[in-house]
């Protein structure tokens, strides 16, 4: 099963400077995050205070499904996506490496 670690960062140039508009946009994006969590598309989400950045963990999605899910936040948010392995997948990789040597 595919797993992805996604680091996100709000692009300050794409956020309204008017406080009420900014609040409305950010709260609407947070509601979309809550919907993704409730639907199981996102397994975990976190915000790093003071950085306008954070992370999310996605499990079981294909790369194209993940892109589709992230597109609704663009261009306001930039993403860095990294696939990750479980401990069992990592052990299996090391075993295959030893067998190939």
Protein backbone atom coordinates (compact mmCIF):
# COMPACT_ATOMS: atom_id res chain seq x y z
CA UNK A 1 0.00 0.00 0.00
CA UNK A 2 1.37 3.41 -0.98
CA UNK A 3 2.14 5.94 1.71
CA UNK A 4 3.18 9.53 1.26
CA UNK A 5 4.63 12.17 3.56
CA UNK A 6 3.58 15.57 2.27
CA UNK A 7 5.06 18.81 3.56
CA UNK A 8 2.91 21.83 2.83
CA UNK A 9 3.62 25.53 3.02
CA UNK A 10 1.26 28.42 2.39
CA UNK A 11 2.47 30.75 -0.34
CA UNK A 12 2.17 34.19 1.30
CA UNK A 13 1.99 35.90 -2.10
CA UNK A 14 -1.22 33.98 -2.84
CA UNK A 15 -3.00 34.85 0.43
CA UNK A 16 -5.18 37.98 0.67
CA UNK A 17 -3.71 40.82 2.69
CA UNK A 18 -7.15 41.88 3.99
CA UNK A 19 -7.55 40.05 7.33
CA UNK A 20 -11.22 39.08 6.83
CA UNK A 21 -10.56 37.69 3.34
CA UNK A 22 -7.49 35.84 4.62
CA UNK A 23 -9.44 34.32 7.53
CA UNK A 24 -12.25 33.19 5.22
CA UNK A 25 -9.84 31.54 2.75
CA UNK A 26 -7.78 29.78 5.43
CA UNK A 27 -10.85 28.50 7.27
CA UNK A 28 -12.33 27.18 4.02
CA UNK A 29 -9.09 25.29 3.31
CA UNK A 30 -9.09 23.85 6.84
CA UNK A 31 -12.66 22.62 6.31
CA UNK A 32 -11.46 20.84 3.15
CA UNK A 33 -8.68 19.22 5.21
CA UNK A 34 -11.26 18.04 7.76
CA UNK A 35 -13.33 16.54 4.91
CA UNK A 36 -10.25 14.70 3.60
CA UNK A 37 -9.54 13.32 7.07
CA UNK A 38 -13.16 12.26 7.58
CA UNK A 39 -13.20 10.55 4.16
CA UNK A 40 -9.96 8.71 4.98
CA UNK A 41 -7.93 10.38 2.23
CA UNK A 42 -5.63 11.94 4.86
CA UNK A 43 -4.45 9.86 7.83
CA UNK A 44 -2.79 12.66 9.78
CA UNK A 45 -2.38 16.41 9.41
CA UNK A 46 -0.34 18.89 11.40
CA UNK A 47 0.46 22.60 11.45
CA UNK A 48 3.81 24.02 12.56
CA UNK A 49 2.90 27.13 14.56
CA UNK A 50 4.45 30.33 13.27
CA UNK A 51 5.59 28.88 9.95
CA UNK A 52 2.40 28.70 7.86
CA UNK A 53 3.55 25.16 7.14
CA UNK A 54 2.99 21.61 8.21
CA UNK A 55 2.59 18.04 7.02
CA UNK A 56 0.05 15.42 6.09
CA UNK A 57 0.21 11.66 5.79
CA UNK A 58 -1.66 9.93 2.98
CA UNK A 59 -2.10 6.18 2.78
CA UNK A 60 -3.46 3.99 0.00
CA UNK A 61 -3.69 6.66 -2.70
CA UNK A 62 -2.09 6.50 -6.11
CA UNK A 63 0.12 9.36 -7.23
CA UNK A 64 -2.65 10.66 -9.51
CA UNK A 65 -5.26 10.42 -6.72
CA UNK A 66 -2.93 12.36 -4.44
CA UNK A 67 -2.39 15.05 -7.06
CA UNK A 68 -6.15 15.37 -7.58
CA UNK A 69 -6.61 15.80 -3.83
CA UNK A 70 -3.88 18.45 -3.57
CA UNK A 71 -4.95 20.48 -6.59
CA UNK A 72 -7.86 22.04 -4.71
CA UNK A 73 -5.37 23.86 -2.46
CA UNK A 74 -3.22 25.22 -5.28
CA UNK A 75 -2.00 27.92 -5.91
CA UNK A 76 -2.39 28.99 -2.27
CA UNK A 77 -0.34 26.09 -0.90
CA UNK A 78 2.91 24.55 -2.14
CA UNK A 79 3.59 20.85 -1.57
CA UNK A 80 6.62 18.60 -1.33
CA UNK A 81 5.58 14.95 -1.68
CA UNK A 82 7.73 12.02 -0.57
CA UNK A 83 6.81 8.33 -0.76
CA UNK A 84 7.58 6.46 2.46
CA UNK A 85 8.04 2.80 3.38
CA UNK A 86 6.81 0.94 6.43
CA UNK A 87 9.31 -0.83 8.67
CA UNK A 88 8.33 -4.19 7.09
CA UNK A 89 8.88 -2.83 3.57
CA UNK A 90 12.28 -1.50 4.63
CA UNK A 91 13.28 -4.85 6.15
CA UNK A 92 12.23 -6.63 2.96
CA UNK A 93 14.37 -4.23 0.91
CA UNK A 94 17.42 -4.97 3.05
CA UNK A 95 16.79 -8.72 2.75
CA UNK A 96 16.57 -8.46 -1.05
CA UNK A 97 19.79 -6.42 -1.07
CA UNK A 98 21.58 -9.15 0.90
CA UNK A 99 20.22 -11.88 -1.37
CA UNK A 100 21.43 -10.04 -4.47
CA UNK A 101 24.96 -9.63 -3.13
